Amino acid sequence: MLKIDHPQIYIYSYQLSRKSPAKDSFIWTWVAHLWKYFSPQKDLDFPKENLTYPLSEAKNFSCFNKIEGLLRFCRLDDSTGIFVAIGSPETNENKDVEIQTIKEFNPNNLILAESYQEWLGQTILITYKAKTYQKLSKDNLRQVADECLVHLLPQVTQRPQFYRATELFGSSIFEYSSPQSQLQVLVYQVDDAIEKQLASVIQILFELFYHRHKMAKAFIDSREIYNLGHDFDVVVKDFIAELENSILQENQQSAQYLKESIKQLLHDSLNYERTFQALEDFENTINIHVDNYQQKLTEMSDRLQLPPEALTTFNLFIEKTAPYFQRQIQGDLGYFKHGKDLITTAIASIRGIVEIEQAERDQKHQIQEKKKYDRQNTADKNLQDQIQAVGVGIAAGAIVSSTSGLITQPWSISTNKPPHPFIIASFLSISCSLGAWYIAKTWIEHKRKSNENR
């Protein structure tokens, strides 16, 4: 059975904390429970309001002389970071121990956050020393790493899957995590020299993991925004498809319905803008911490006087995982841009339809007005004709009335005599009336044509 010497765990925990650090938060409650279990002092006495950068001085604890450890605190940008070390003292009693003894470092599952909803994340580094007489093969090293993980995190649902194996400072290190996990576990076989190297870069390593979790958390949150945006996008596209189908079938849609559709699409466009802005914010966060992560790698390389390729374990995240985050968000932005453009096109199309229908209504109105004018004009002409006819009638009546007195005058037919006076008077009156009517009619028509040509 495989055994190990002096197992240790190092917990790097981070929580976004824009509010005053003096106020209670999830990460402070978590560390208070740890301290209460492992320390005889019970109450954690640390002035949270004085949280500063870099890591604070250590607060040491010891538990039954079997487990010892320390706490250190640090303010990182807009976040609170806590470093916890728990392990067995380097005594002969802690050599050649069963791997399962590592479960004593996680009583009641205290080392993990109850929920990562309010956390940036945690990195747990498990280290152990190999027995001097025991040379482990790669398969044995993986077996030890798996057993360390199983005994430290007995609940399967909380245990991350194996991700990859690399080498750091010439020794194998196994990572259990995923790009979308806020919990990262590393299992590492160390020796005295490696322990000194890790101790010399404790602050750099603490910040390196912080930037890693900032990127991972931004990506995880971007998935939530994408899922919400995708559901919304499906609803919008279904609405546009239904509207398009209705228009293609030439269904009669009221102008009010089309205007309401435009209002709805404008509202939807704002939701796209919010989705865009959120994704761009996450992308910006990742880009910023990519640069910060790279800077910390450079600092670590300089401090340890090692070439960058010697830090493959940490380089892989910046070379493969972070670019995956960036490409995915860029793809999401392109996807939602298509939806946003579709809304813009739909709004323009509906507005065009509304304008066409308005023009058609205006044209119909003009035709109706013209018909109304023509009917009125015809009625006016008829009225004028009636007036003229009435005038002729009145004139004829006046002629008859004015000449009626001549009817009684005596008159005999003779070739030598002129016509009867009544006939002569009637003829002259009728001729004058016809002449007057013709002159009046000609003048009215001329005036009407002049008005129409204006």
Protein backbone atom coordinates (compact mmCIF):
# COMPACT_ATOMS: atom_id res chain seq x y z
CA MET A 1 0.00 0.00 0.00
CA LEU A 2 1.32 3.46 -0.95
CA LYS A 3 2.23 5.83 1.88
CA ILE A 4 3.33 9.45 2.03
CA ASP A 5 5.23 11.81 4.34
CA HIS A 6 4.09 15.13 5.82
CA PRO A 7 0.93 15.89 3.78
CA GLN A 8 -0.08 19.55 3.63
CA ILE A 9 -2.90 21.52 2.04
CA TYR A 10 -2.79 25.18 1.00
CA ILE A 11 -6.11 26.88 0.36
CA TYR A 12 -6.28 30.03 -1.77
CA SER A 13 -9.76 31.57 -1.40
CA TYR A 14 -11.19 34.70 -3.02
CA GLN A 15 -14.42 36.63 -2.84
CA LEU A 16 -15.51 39.76 -4.67
CA SER A 17 -16.00 42.38 -1.97
CA ARG A 18 -16.88 45.84 -3.23
CA LYS A 19 -18.42 46.67 0.12
CA SER A 20 -16.42 47.48 3.22
CA PRO A 21 -14.38 44.49 4.37
CA ALA A 22 -15.49 45.29 7.92
CA LYS A 23 -18.94 43.93 7.08
CA ASP A 24 -19.67 40.24 7.40
CA SER A 25 -19.29 38.27 4.19
CA PHE A 26 -19.31 34.66 3.12
CA ILE A 27 -15.55 34.30 3.06
CA TRP A 28 -15.16 35.70 6.59
CA THR A 29 -17.83 33.39 7.93
CA TRP A 30 -16.09 30.48 6.22
CA VAL A 31 -12.66 31.23 7.68
CA ALA A 32 -14.14 31.88 11.13
CA HIS A 33 -15.56 28.35 11.14
CA LEU A 34 -12.17 26.93 10.15
CA TRP A 35 -10.41 28.87 12.88
CA LYS A 36 -12.97 27.85 15.46
CA TYR A 37 -12.42 24.18 14.69
CA PHE A 38 -8.62 24.12 14.53
CA SER A 39 -7.66 26.82 17.03
CA PRO A 40 -8.11 26.67 20.82
CA GLN A 41 -8.72 30.44 20.77
CA LYS A 42 -12.06 29.84 19.03
CA ASP A 43 -12.74 33.48 18.10
CA LEU A 44 -10.79 34.82 15.15
CA ASP A 45 -9.24 38.12 16.14
CA PHE A 46 -8.35 39.91 12.93
CA PRO A 47 -9.12 43.59 12.15
CA LYS A 48 -10.92 43.13 8.83
CA GLU A 49 -11.22 46.89 8.37
CA ASN A 50 -7.43 47.04 8.15
CA LEU A 51 -7.20 44.47 5.38
CA THR A 52 -4.36 45.59 3.10
CA TYR A 53 -1.90 44.42 0.47
CA PRO A 54 0.25 42.25 0.49
CA LEU A 55 -0.51 39.17 2.58
CA SER A 56 -0.76 39.93 6.29
CA GLU A 57 1.39 38.36 8.97
CA ALA A 58 0.45 34.79 9.76
CA LYS A 59 -2.01 33.82 12.47
CA ASN A 60 -0.90 30.38 13.57
CA PHE A 61 -3.00 27.60 15.06
CA SER A 62 -2.44 24.09 16.35
CA CYS A 63 -4.88 21.25 16.95
CA PHE A 64 -4.07 18.41 19.37
CA ASN A 65 -0.40 18.61 18.34
CA LYS A 66 -1.36 16.59 15.26
CA ILE A 67 -2.34 19.41 12.91
CA GLU A 68 -0.91 22.87 12.61
CA GLY A 69 -1.49 25.72 10.23
CA LEU A 70 -1.86 29.42 9.65
CA LEU A 71 -4.07 32.10 8.15
CA ARG A 72 -3.02 35.12 6.10
CA PHE A 73 -5.23 37.83 4.62
CA CYS A 74 -4.88 40.15 1.65
CA ARG A 75 -6.77 42.85 -0.21
CA LEU A 76 -6.62 42.35 -3.99
CA ASP A 77 -8.21 45.10 -6.07
CA ASP A 78 -11.96 44.75 -5.42
CA SER A 79 -11.67 41.38 -3.69
CA THR A 80 -10.79 39.74 -0.39
CA GLY A 81 -8.25 36.93 -0.44
CA ILE A 82 -7.47 34.48 2.36
CA PHE A 83 -4.59 32.02 2.44
CA VAL A 84 -4.93 28.98 4.71
CA ALA A 85 -2.28 26.34 5.36
CA ILE A 86 -3.22 23.11 7.15
CA GLY A 87 -0.91 20.15 7.61
CA SER A 88 0.91 17.74 9.81
CA PRO A 89 4.05 18.89 11.64
CA GLU A 90 7.30 17.57 10.24
CA THR A 91 7.91 15.02 12.94
CA ASN A 92 8.78 11.35 12.78
CA GLU A 93 5.22 10.51 13.75
CA ASN A 94 4.01 12.05 10.49
CA LYS A 95 6.28 10.06 8.24
CA ASP A 96 5.17 6.99 6.36
CA VAL A 97 1.47 7.72 6.97
CA GLU A 98 -1.59 6.40 5.21
CA ILE A 99 -2.98 8.66 2.51
CA GLN A 100 -6.38 8.58 4.19
CA THR A 101 -5.01 10.61 7.11
CA ILE A 102 -5.40 13.63 4.84
CA LYS A 103 -9.16 13.59 5.55
CA GLU A 104 -8.37 15.03 8.98
CA PHE A 105 -7.60 18.34 7.22
CA ASN A 106 -11.21 18.66 6.10
CA PRO A 107 -13.49 17.95 9.06
CA ASN A 108 -17.17 18.31 8.22
CA ASN A 109 -16.16 19.57 4.79
CA LEU A 110 -15.08 22.90 6.31
CA ILE A 111 -12.39 23.75 3.79
CA LEU A 112 -14.90 24.24 0.96
CA ALA A 113 -17.33 27.09 0.50
CA GLU A 114 -20.96 26.12 1.09
CA SER A 115 -21.81 27.75 -2.23
CA TYR A 116 -19.60 29.42 -4.81
CA GLN A 117 -22.38 31.74 -5.91
CA GLU A 118 -20.87 34.64 -3.96
CA TRP A 119 -17.25 33.55 -4.38
CA LEU A 120 -14.66 34.04 -7.08
CA GLY A 121 -13.29 30.61 -6.33
CA GLN A 122 -10.80 28.45 -4.47
CA THR A 123 -7.55 26.70 -5.34
CA ILE A 124 -6.45 23.86 -3.05
CA LEU A 125 -2.85 22.73 -3.35
CA ILE A 126 -2.18 19.33 -1.77
CA THR A 127 1.50 18.55 -1.23
CA TYR A 128 3.27 15.52 0.15
CA LYS A 129 6.79 14.17 0.27
CA ALA A 130 7.76 10.81 -1.10
CA LYS A 131 9.50 8.30 1.07
CA THR A 132 13.26 8.40 0.54
CA TYR A 133 13.39 4.71 -0.25
CA GLN A 134 10.35 4.71 -2.50
CA LYS A 135 10.58 5.73 -6.15
CA LEU A 136 7.08 6.26 -7.56
CA SER A 137 6.24 5.62 -11.20
CA LYS A 138 3.93 7.96 -13.13
CA ASP A 139 1.07 5.55 -12.58
CA ASN A 140 1.81 5.45 -8.85
CA LEU A 141 1.97 9.23 -8.73
CA ARG A 142 -1.46 9.48 -10.40
CA GLN A 143 -2.81 6.88 -7.97
CA VAL A 144 -1.52 8.85 -4.99
CA ALA A 145 -3.01 12.06 -6.40
CA ASP A 146 -6.40 10.41 -6.95
CA GLU A 147 -6.43 8.97 -3.42
CA CYS A 148 -5.45 12.31 -1.91
CA LEU A 149 -8.37 13.96 -3.67
CA VAL A 150 -10.85 11.24 -2.70
CA HIS A 151 -9.91 11.32 0.99
CA LEU A 152 -9.80 15.12 1.19
CA LEU A 153 -13.12 15.57 -0.64
CA PRO A 154 -15.19 12.45 0.10
CA GLN A 155 -18.40 13.80 -1.47
CA VAL A 156 -18.39 12.88 -5.14
CA THR A 157 -20.56 15.86 -6.13
CA GLN A 158 -17.95 18.26 -4.76
CA ARG A 159 -14.96 16.51 -6.25
CA PRO A 160 -13.63 18.00 -9.51
CA GLN A 161 -12.65 15.71 -12.37
CA PHE A 162 -9.09 15.07 -13.45
CA TYR A 163 -8.02 17.74 -15.94
CA ARG A 164 -4.34 17.34 -16.80
CA ALA A 165 -0.89 16.36 -15.56
CA THR A 166 2.24 18.48 -15.95
CA GLU A 167 5.60 19.01 -14.30
CA LEU A 168 6.61 21.91 -12.08
CA PHE A 169 10.17 22.36 -10.81
CA GLY A 170 10.94 18.89 -12.09
CA SER A 171 8.17 17.10 -10.20
CA SER A 172 4.76 15.81 -11.32
CA ILE A 173 1.68 17.87 -10.48
CA PHE A 174 -1.90 16.78 -11.19
CA GLU A 175 -4.77 19.20 -11.74
CA TYR A 176 -8.43 18.45 -11.03
CA SER A 177 -10.69 21.12 -12.42
CA SER A 178 -12.39 22.37 -15.58
CA PRO A 179 -12.55 25.69 -17.42
CA GLN A 180 -15.97 26.36 -15.89
CA SER A 181 -15.15 25.31 -12.32
CA GLN A 182 -14.60 27.65 -9.41
CA LEU A 183 -12.76 24.90 -7.54
CA GLN A 184 -9.28 23.92 -8.64
CA VAL A 185 -7.33 21.17 -6.86
CA LEU A 186 -3.63 20.50 -7.45
CA VAL A 187 -1.80 17.48 -6.04
CA TYR A 188 1.97 17.89 -5.99
CA GLN A 189 4.87 15.75 -4.83
CA VAL A 190 7.47 18.06 -3.31
CA ASP A 191 10.82 17.95 -1.59
CA ASP A 192 12.69 20.45 0.60
CA ALA A 193 14.02 22.39 -2.40
CA ILE A 194 10.59 22.70 -4.00
CA GLU A 195 9.09 23.84 -0.69
CA LYS A 196 11.68 26.63 -0.54
CA GLN A 197 10.83 27.67 -4.10
CA LEU A 198 7.11 27.77 -3.33
CA ALA A 199 7.75 29.78 -0.16
CA SER A 200 9.79 32.35 -2.12
CA VAL A 201 6.89 33.07 -4.47
CA ILE A 202 3.98 32.76 -2.03
CA GLN A 203 2.64 36.27 -2.76
CA ILE A 204 3.09 35.90 -6.53
CA LEU A 205 1.37 32.50 -6.49
CA PHE A 206 -1.46 33.90 -4.36
CA GLU A 207 -2.08 36.66 -6.93
CA LEU A 208 -1.65 34.27 -9.87
CA PHE A 209 -4.50 32.09 -8.63
CA TYR A 210 -6.56 35.22 -7.97
CA HIS A 211 -6.28 36.34 -11.61
CA ARG A 212 -7.07 32.80 -12.72
CA HIS A 213 -10.31 32.79 -10.71
CA LYS A 214 -11.27 36.27 -11.89
CA MET A 215 -11.11 35.03 -15.48
CA ALA A 216 -12.92 31.78 -14.72
CA LYS A 217 -15.70 33.55 -12.78
CA ALA A 218 -16.17 36.11 -15.57
CA PHE A 219 -16.52 33.27 -18.06
CA ILE A 220 -18.95 31.34 -15.84
CA ASP A 221 -21.11 34.45 -15.40
CA SER A 222 -20.98 35.06 -19.15
CA ARG A 223 -22.54 31.61 -19.67
CA GLU A 224 -25.52 32.64 -17.55
CA ILE A 225 -25.93 35.82 -19.60
CA TYR A 226 -25.61 33.82 -22.81
CA ASN A 227 -28.26 31.31 -21.74
CA LEU A 228 -30.68 34.08 -20.78
CA GLY A 229 -29.90 35.93 -23.99
CA HIS A 230 -30.33 32.79 -26.07
CA ASP A 231 -33.79 32.11 -24.62
CA PHE A 232 -34.74 35.72 -25.29
CA ASP A 233 -33.29 35.49 -28.81
CA VAL A 234 -35.48 32.47 -29.61
CA VAL A 235 -38.61 34.35 -28.52
CA VAL A 236 -37.69 37.42 -30.57
CA LYS A 237 -36.93 35.42 -33.71
CA ASP A 238 -40.21 33.52 -33.39
CA PHE A 239 -42.05 36.84 -33.09
CA ILE A 240 -40.28 38.23 -36.16
CA ALA A 241 -40.95 35.03 -38.13
CA GLU A 242 -44.66 35.20 -37.25
CA LEU A 243 -44.78 38.85 -38.21
CA GLU A 244 -42.95 38.18 -41.48
CA ASN A 245 -45.28 35.31 -42.35
CA SER A 246 -48.29 37.52 -41.70
CA ILE A 247 -46.90 40.22 -43.99
CA LEU A 248 -45.98 37.76 -46.78
CA GLN A 249 -49.52 36.38 -46.71
CA GLU A 250 -50.72 39.96 -47.21
CA ASN A 251 -52.87 39.85 -44.13
CA GLN A 252 -54.51 43.17 -43.45
CA GLN A 253 -52.74 44.54 -40.43
CA SER A 254 -53.83 47.75 -38.82
CA ALA A 255 -51.38 50.60 -38.56
CA GLN A 256 -51.78 50.46 -34.79
CA TYR A 257 -50.75 46.78 -34.75
CA LEU A 258 -47.64 47.52 -36.79
CA LYS A 259 -46.75 50.48 -34.56
CA GLU A 260 -47.10 48.27 -31.49
CA SER A 261 -44.83 45.72 -33.16
CA ILE A 262 -42.19 48.42 -33.67
CA LYS A 263 -42.43 49.40 -30.00
CA GLN A 264 -41.96 45.76 -28.96
CA LEU A 265 -38.97 45.33 -31.24
CA LEU A 266 -37.38 48.54 -29.97
CA HIS A 267 -37.75 47.18 -26.44
CA ASP A 268 -36.20 43.90 -27.54
CA SER A 269 -33.35 45.83 -29.14
CA LEU A 270 -32.57 47.38 -25.74
CA ASN A 271 -32.40 43.89 -24.22
CA TYR A 272 -29.89 42.94 -26.91
CA GLU A 273 -27.86 46.02 -26.00
CA ARG A 274 -27.85 44.98 -22.34
CA THR A 275 -26.73 41.47 -23.27
CA PHE A 276 -24.02 42.95 -25.48
CA GLN A 277 -22.82 45.25 -22.72
CA ALA A 278 -22.70 42.46 -20.12
CA LEU A 279 -20.73 40.15 -22.41
CA GLU A 280 -18.34 42.94 -23.37
CA ASP A 281 -17.79 43.68 -19.66
CA PHE A 282 -16.91 40.03 -19.03
CA GLU A 283 -14.63 40.01 -22.06
CA ASN A 284 -12.92 43.15 -20.79
CA THR A 285 -12.45 41.58 -17.34
CA ILE A 286 -10.83 38.51 -18.89
CA ASN A 287 -8.56 40.63 -21.08
CA ILE A 288 -7.39 42.68 -18.09
CA HIS A 289 -6.60 39.63 -15.97
CA VAL A 290 -4.90 37.85 -18.86
CA ASP A 291 -2.35 40.68 -18.81
CA ASN A 292 -2.11 40.59 -15.00
CA TYR A 293 -1.69 36.80 -15.02
CA GLN A 294 1.07 37.07 -17.61
CA GLN A 295 2.79 39.72 -15.51
CA LYS A 296 2.76 37.44 -12.46
CA LEU A 297 4.24 34.61 -14.52
CA THR A 298 7.05 36.91 -15.57
CA GLU A 299 7.63 37.93 -11.94
CA MET A 300 7.72 34.28 -10.87
CA SER A 301 10.15 33.40 -13.64
CA ASP A 302 12.43 36.27 -12.64
CA ARG A 303 12.21 35.49 -8.93
CA LEU A 304 13.05 31.81 -9.41
CA GLN A 305 15.52 32.54 -12.23
CA LEU A 306 13.78 30.01 -14.43
CA PRO A 307 12.87 30.18 -18.12
CA PRO A 308 9.13 30.70 -18.84
CA GLU A 309 8.80 27.17 -20.24
CA ALA A 310 9.67 25.81 -16.80
CA LEU A 311 6.28 27.08 -15.59
CA THR A 312 4.19 25.00 -17.98
CA THR A 313 1.67 24.18 -15.26
CA PHE A 314 0.64 27.82 -15.11
CA ASN A 315 1.41 28.75 -18.71
CA LEU A 316 -1.18 26.32 -20.05
CA PHE A 317 -4.02 28.35 -18.55
CA ILE A 318 -2.92 31.52 -20.31
CA GLU A 319 -2.05 29.70 -23.53
CA LYS A 320 -5.13 27.49 -23.90
CA THR A 321 -7.89 28.15 -21.38
CA ALA A 322 -7.99 31.95 -21.44
CA PRO A 323 -8.01 32.11 -25.28
CA TYR A 324 -10.90 29.63 -25.22
CA PHE A 325 -12.81 32.03 -22.93
CA GLN A 326 -12.11 34.93 -25.28
CA ARG A 327 -13.09 33.06 -28.45
CA GLN A 328 -16.31 31.82 -26.89
CA ILE A 329 -17.41 35.29 -25.80
CA GLN A 330 -16.48 36.71 -29.20
CA GLY A 331 -18.66 34.04 -30.78
CA ASP A 332 -21.50 34.95 -28.43
CA LEU A 333 -21.22 38.61 -29.37
CA GLY A 334 -21.38 37.66 -33.05
CA TYR A 335 -24.44 35.50 -32.44
CA PHE A 336 -26.32 38.27 -30.66
CA LYS A 337 -25.20 40.84 -33.23
CA HIS A 338 -27.03 38.78 -35.84
CA GLY A 339 -30.18 38.94 -33.72
CA LYS A 340 -29.76 42.66 -33.18
CA ASP A 341 -29.32 43.23 -36.93
CA LEU A 342 -32.43 41.14 -37.57
CA ILE A 343 -34.43 43.41 -35.27
CA THR A 344 -33.05 46.51 -36.99
CA THR A 345 -34.07 45.10 -40.39
CA ALA A 346 -37.52 44.13 -39.09
CA ILE A 347 -38.10 47.61 -37.68
CA ALA A 348 -37.02 49.23 -40.96
CA SER A 349 -39.30 46.87 -42.93
CA ILE A 350 -42.31 47.54 -40.74
CA ARG A 351 -41.73 51.27 -40.92
CA GLY A 352 -41.56 50.95 -44.71
CA ILE A 353 -44.86 49.06 -44.73
CA VAL A 354 -46.46 51.68 -42.51
CA GLU A 355 -45.23 54.46 -44.83
CA ILE A 356 -46.52 52.63 -47.93
CA GLU A 357 -49.90 52.07 -46.33
CA GLN A 358 -50.00 55.71 -45.28
CA ALA A 359 -49.20 56.78 -48.85
CA GLU A 360 -51.94 54.48 -50.16
CA ARG A 361 -54.40 55.93 -47.68
CA ASP A 362 -53.38 59.45 -48.72
CA GLN A 363 -53.85 58.54 -52.38
CA LYS A 364 -57.28 57.06 -51.70
CA HIS A 365 -58.19 60.16 -49.77
CA GLN A 366 -57.09 62.37 -52.67
CA ILE A 367 -59.15 60.28 -55.13
CA GLN A 368 -62.16 60.52 -52.86
CA GLU A 369 -61.69 64.26 -52.51
CA LYS A 370 -61.42 64.61 -56.29
CA LYS A 371 -64.57 62.56 -56.79
CA LYS A 372 -66.30 64.68 -54.21
CA TYR A 373 -65.10 67.82 -55.95
CA ASP A 374 -66.23 66.50 -59.34
CA ARG A 375 -69.65 65.64 -57.96
CA GLN A 376 -69.92 69.07 -56.41
CA ASN A 377 -68.74 70.68 -59.61
CA THR A 378 -71.31 68.73 -61.62
CA ALA A 379 -73.98 69.71 -59.15
CA ASP A 380 -72.93 73.33 -59.51
CA LYS A 381 -73.15 73.10 -63.29
CA ASN A 382 -76.56 71.50 -63.05
CA LEU A 383 -77.63 74.22 -60.71
CA GLN A 384 -76.40 76.83 -63.13
CA ASP A 385 -78.26 75.11 -65.96
CA GLN A 386 -81.34 75.02 -63.85
CA ILE A 387 -80.94 78.70 -63.07
CA GLN A 388 -80.49 79.42 -66.78
CA ALA A 389 -83.55 77.35 -67.64
CA VAL A 390 -85.52 79.08 -64.95
CA GLY A 391 -84.25 82.39 -66.30
CA VAL A 392 -85.38 81.48 -69.81
CA GLY A 393 -88.70 80.42 -68.43
CA ILE A 394 -89.08 83.59 -66.50
CA ALA A 395 -88.02 85.56 -69.57
CA ALA A 396 -90.54 83.71 -71.72
CA GLY A 397 -93.21 84.31 -69.14
CA ALA A 398 -92.27 87.96 -69.02
CA ILE A 399 -92.50 88.18 -72.81
CA VAL A 400 -95.91 86.63 -72.86
CA SER A 401 -96.98 88.77 -69.96
CA SER A 402 -95.71 91.99 -71.56
CA THR A 403 -97.27 91.27 -74.93
CA SER A 404 -100.49 89.73 -73.81
CA GLY A 405 -102.26 93.08 -74.09
CA LEU A 406 -101.68 93.09 -77.87
CA ILE A 407 -103.63 89.92 -78.37
CA THR A 408 -106.98 91.79 -78.26
CA GLN A 409 -106.02 94.34 -80.84
CA PRO A 410 -107.99 93.99 -84.13
CA TRP A 411 -106.03 92.62 -87.04
CA SER A 412 -106.98 91.13 -90.38
CA ILE A 413 -104.97 88.95 -92.67
CA SER A 414 -103.76 90.88 -95.67
CA THR A 415 -100.70 90.67 -97.81
CA ASN A 416 -100.25 94.39 -97.54
CA LYS A 417 -100.40 94.52 -93.75
CA PRO A 418 -97.51 93.70 -91.32
CA PRO A 419 -97.86 90.74 -88.88
CA HIS A 420 -100.06 91.06 -85.86
CA PRO A 421 -98.51 93.35 -83.23
CA PHE A 422 -98.47 90.49 -80.71
CA ILE A 423 -96.38 88.35 -83.05
CA ILE A 424 -93.93 91.15 -83.69
CA ALA A 425 -93.58 91.92 -79.97
CA SER A 426 -93.17 88.26 -79.05
CA PHE A 427 -90.53 87.71 -81.74
CA LEU A 428 -88.48 90.68 -80.62
CA SER A 429 -88.74 89.72 -76.94
CA ILE A 430 -87.73 86.12 -77.63
CA SER A 431 -84.80 87.23 -79.74
CA CYS A 432 -83.58 89.55 -77.00
CA SER A 433 -83.96 86.80 -74.40
CA LEU A 434 -82.05 84.26 -76.50
CA GLY A 435 -79.32 86.75 -77.15
CA ALA A 436 -79.03 87.63 -73.50
CA TRP A 437 -78.99 83.88 -72.57
CA TYR A 438 -76.24 83.12 -75.09
CA ILE A 439 -74.08 85.98 -73.92
CA ALA A 440 -74.53 84.98 -70.27
CA LYS A 441 -73.77 81.29 -71.02
CA THR A 442 -70.63 82.15 -72.98
CA TRP A 443 -69.38 84.40 -70.18
CA ILE A 444 -70.05 81.74 -67.46
CA GLU A 445 -68.18 79.01 -69.41
CA HIS A 446 -65.24 81.31 -70.05
CA LYS A 447 -65.00 82.19 -66.38
CA ARG A 448 -65.21 78.51 -65.34
CA LYS A 449 -62.37 77.49 -67.71
CA SER A 450 -60.24 80.34 -66.43
CA ASN A 451 -60.70 79.14 -62.86
CA GLU A 452 -59.89 75.52 -63.75
CA ASN A 453 -56.64 76.53 -65.52
CA ARG A 454 -55.32 78.38 -62.50
